[in-house]
């Protein structure tokens, strides 16, 4: 008996399958949304020298913001609301009427701006360990917005344009006139504001 020869099955051309897979992958990457974590964009200061004593800050130069575990706010020992925080922080840092209970100002000669009154004010932020992350972010956003609005107001007064439209030298001058002075302590159990 003669052996039968096996029939060769035609091979599938799989090169087009790779192209289709690539197109499907590209389609799903472009049309799907990927959740990303949001955070606070702020550069941390360099570590302080343990041999250098921190400067004394007068009571009038400190705006204390406390957030308790129930997400309630205290501004300088007064119950406050998140909607008031930005305006209170702006008023504190700018001290437009030179009130004795608000921060001192120091006359400073800044290139491009001339002699400017620079606030010695510092915002001290203290959170309770039980503070929600949402409230923490809202407080940070309000404080950052207060400083950004002050910078924008000065930029419009001195350069007739928004802070974001300034060049790097102009921004540097404005940053010296309105420093970001937020001191954040390690979270602890602050308690209630009732």
Protein backbone atom coordinates (compact mmCIF):
# COMPACT_ATOMS: atom_id res chain seq x y z
CA UNK A 1 0.00 0.00 0.00
CA UNK A 2 1.10 3.32 -0.86
CA UNK A 3 1.33 5.92 1.86
CA UNK A 4 -0.84 8.87 1.42
CA UNK A 5 0.86 12.19 1.31
CA UNK A 6 -0.38 14.60 3.94
CA UNK A 7 -2.09 17.58 2.54
CA UNK A 8 -0.45 20.83 3.47
CA UNK A 9 -2.89 23.18 5.03
CA UNK A 10 -2.62 26.71 3.81
CA UNK A 11 -1.01 28.98 6.46
CA UNK A 12 -2.92 31.99 7.70
CA UNK A 13 -1.33 35.31 7.02
CA UNK A 14 -1.10 36.79 10.54
CA UNK A 15 0.65 40.03 9.63
CA UNK A 16 -2.66 41.84 9.32
CA UNK A 17 -3.67 40.54 12.79
CA UNK A 18 -0.79 42.50 14.35
CA UNK A 19 -1.98 45.64 12.56
CA UNK A 20 -5.54 45.14 13.79
CA UNK A 21 -4.34 44.54 17.36
CA UNK A 22 -2.28 47.71 17.25
CA UNK A 23 -5.21 49.74 15.94
CA UNK A 24 -7.54 48.35 18.61
CA UNK A 25 -5.04 49.11 21.37
CA UNK A 26 -4.57 52.65 20.07
CA UNK A 27 -8.34 53.15 19.87
CA UNK A 28 -8.88 52.05 23.48
CA UNK A 29 -6.02 54.19 24.79
CA UNK A 30 -7.35 57.28 23.04
CA UNK A 31 -11.00 56.82 23.97
CA UNK A 32 -10.71 55.64 27.56
CA UNK A 33 -10.16 57.95 30.48
CA UNK A 34 -7.48 57.16 32.98
CA UNK A 35 -7.98 58.57 36.45
CA UNK A 36 -4.97 60.43 37.73
CA UNK A 37 -4.22 61.51 41.24
CA UNK A 38 -4.31 65.22 41.87
CA UNK A 39 -2.01 66.91 44.28
CA UNK A 40 -0.70 70.25 45.39
CA UNK A 41 1.91 71.82 43.18
CA UNK A 42 4.33 73.39 45.57
CA UNK A 43 8.07 73.17 45.89
CA UNK A 44 9.16 72.13 49.36
CA UNK A 45 11.77 74.30 51.05
CA UNK A 46 15.22 72.83 51.60
CA UNK A 47 15.82 71.19 54.99
CA UNK A 48 16.65 73.72 57.67
CA UNK A 49 20.05 73.74 59.28
CA UNK A 50 19.71 72.20 62.77
CA UNK A 51 22.43 74.56 64.07
CA UNK A 52 20.52 77.71 63.10
CA UNK A 53 17.84 78.96 65.48
CA UNK A 54 14.59 79.81 63.65
CA UNK A 55 13.69 83.51 63.72
CA UNK A 56 11.17 84.79 66.25
CA UNK A 57 7.87 85.69 64.66
CA UNK A 58 5.74 88.27 66.41
CA UNK A 59 2.16 87.29 67.21
CA UNK A 60 0.75 90.02 64.96
CA UNK A 61 2.71 88.58 62.01
CA UNK A 62 1.07 85.14 62.30
CA UNK A 63 -2.31 84.14 60.89
CA UNK A 64 -3.20 80.81 62.50
CA UNK A 65 -5.54 78.50 60.58
CA UNK A 66 -6.67 75.37 62.43
CA UNK A 67 -8.71 72.57 60.85
CA UNK A 68 -10.21 70.01 63.24
CA UNK A 69 -11.32 66.43 62.65
CA UNK A 70 -14.86 67.61 61.86
CA UNK A 71 -13.48 69.84 59.05
CA UNK A 72 -14.29 73.02 60.98
CA UNK A 73 -11.99 76.04 60.67
CA UNK A 74 -10.56 78.45 63.20
CA UNK A 75 -8.86 81.70 62.05
CA UNK A 76 -6.88 83.31 64.87
CA UNK A 77 -9.16 81.67 67.47
CA UNK A 78 -12.38 82.71 65.68
CA UNK A 79 -14.70 80.19 64.03
CA UNK A 80 -14.46 80.65 60.28
CA UNK A 81 -15.84 79.32 57.04
CA UNK A 82 -13.93 78.04 54.01
CA UNK A 83 -15.66 80.69 51.87
CA UNK A 84 -14.10 83.46 54.00
CA UNK A 85 -10.57 82.02 54.13
CA UNK A 86 -9.19 83.52 50.90
CA UNK A 87 -10.37 87.07 51.68
CA UNK A 88 -9.16 86.88 55.30
CA UNK A 89 -5.75 85.61 54.15
CA UNK A 90 -5.48 88.37 51.53
CA UNK A 91 -6.40 91.04 54.06
CA UNK A 92 -3.91 89.63 56.55
CA UNK A 93 -1.00 89.45 54.11
CA UNK A 94 -1.60 92.82 52.45
CA UNK A 95 -2.64 94.80 55.58
CA UNK A 96 -3.94 97.59 53.31
CA UNK A 97 -4.76 99.99 56.18
CA UNK A 98 -1.58 99.32 58.22
CA UNK A 99 -3.58 98.09 61.20
CA UNK A 100 -1.56 97.32 64.34
CA UNK A 101 -3.12 93.85 64.73
CA UNK A 102 -2.08 92.79 61.20
CA UNK A 103 1.49 92.07 59.99
CA UNK A 104 4.28 94.55 59.95
CA UNK A 105 5.66 95.66 56.61
CA UNK A 106 9.27 96.19 55.66
CA UNK A 107 10.31 98.62 52.93
CA UNK A 108 12.40 96.69 50.43
CA UNK A 109 14.07 97.85 47.22
CA UNK A 110 13.25 95.29 44.53
CA UNK A 111 14.59 95.60 40.96
CA UNK A 112 11.82 96.41 38.43
CA UNK A 113 9.43 97.36 41.26
CA UNK A 114 11.32 99.99 43.23
CA UNK A 115 10.68 100.39 46.95
CA UNK A 116 7.85 98.10 48.02
CA UNK A 117 6.26 97.30 51.38
CA UNK A 118 6.85 93.58 51.92
CA UNK A 119 4.65 91.88 54.51
CA UNK A 120 6.30 89.96 57.33
CA UNK A 121 3.11 87.91 57.64
CA UNK A 122 3.19 84.14 57.89
CA UNK A 123 0.18 81.85 57.59
CA UNK A 124 0.46 78.98 60.07
CA UNK A 125 -1.64 75.98 59.04
CA UNK A 126 -2.41 73.19 61.51
CA UNK A 127 -4.53 70.15 60.63
CA UNK A 128 -6.01 67.51 62.87
CA UNK A 129 -5.09 63.91 62.07
CA UNK A 130 -8.77 63.28 61.33
CA UNK A 131 -9.15 66.15 58.84
CA UNK A 132 -10.55 64.90 55.54
CA UNK A 133 -8.31 65.08 52.51
CA UNK A 134 -10.97 67.07 50.63
CA UNK A 135 -10.98 69.77 53.34
CA UNK A 136 -7.19 69.80 53.46
CA UNK A 137 -7.08 70.41 49.70
CA UNK A 138 -9.77 73.11 49.88
CA UNK A 139 -7.82 74.99 52.59
CA UNK A 140 -4.58 74.70 50.59
CA UNK A 141 -6.37 75.92 47.44
CA UNK A 142 -7.87 78.94 49.22
CA UNK A 143 -4.53 79.97 50.74
CA UNK A 144 -2.72 79.53 47.42
CA UNK A 145 -5.48 81.48 45.63
CA UNK A 146 -5.09 84.36 48.13
CA UNK A 147 -1.35 84.62 47.42
CA UNK A 148 -1.86 84.24 43.66
CA UNK A 149 -4.49 87.01 43.62
CA UNK A 150 -2.17 89.36 45.52
CA UNK A 151 0.60 88.62 43.01
CA UNK A 152 -1.77 89.20 40.12
CA UNK A 153 -2.97 92.53 41.58
CA UNK A 154 0.61 93.76 42.02
CA UNK A 155 1.53 92.58 38.52
CA UNK A 156 -1.39 94.47 36.99
CA UNK A 157 -0.51 97.61 38.99
CA UNK A 158 3.21 97.56 38.11
CA UNK A 159 3.34 95.92 34.67
CA UNK A 160 -0.26 96.33 33.39
CA UNK A 161 -0.58 92.58 32.77
CA UNK A 162 -1.48 89.42 34.62
CA UNK A 163 1.15 87.60 36.67
CA UNK A 164 1.02 84.58 34.34
CA UNK A 165 1.82 86.85 31.36
CA UNK A 166 4.97 88.28 32.98
CA UNK A 167 8.45 87.24 31.98
CA UNK A 168 10.72 85.40 34.44
CA UNK A 169 12.40 88.60 35.74
CA UNK A 170 9.05 90.26 36.42
CA UNK A 171 7.73 87.15 38.16
CA UNK A 172 10.86 86.93 40.29
CA UNK A 173 10.39 90.56 41.37
CA UNK A 174 6.74 89.96 42.28
CA UNK A 175 7.65 86.78 44.16
CA UNK A 176 10.07 88.81 46.28
CA UNK A 177 7.40 91.43 46.98
CA UNK A 178 4.77 88.82 47.88
CA UNK A 179 6.50 85.71 49.22
CA UNK A 180 4.60 82.46 49.69
CA UNK A 181 4.71 82.38 53.49
CA UNK A 182 2.73 79.31 54.56
CA UNK A 183 4.05 77.32 57.48
CA UNK A 184 2.50 73.89 57.83
CA UNK A 185 2.90 71.98 61.07
CA UNK A 186 2.75 68.22 61.43
CA UNK A 187 -0.87 67.05 61.88
CA UNK A 188 -1.97 66.38 65.44
CA UNK A 189 -5.20 66.09 67.38
CA UNK A 190 -6.50 69.67 67.32
CA UNK A 191 -9.98 68.90 68.71
CA UNK A 192 -13.31 70.55 68.03
CA UNK A 193 -14.11 74.23 67.55
CA UNK A 194 -17.40 74.11 69.40
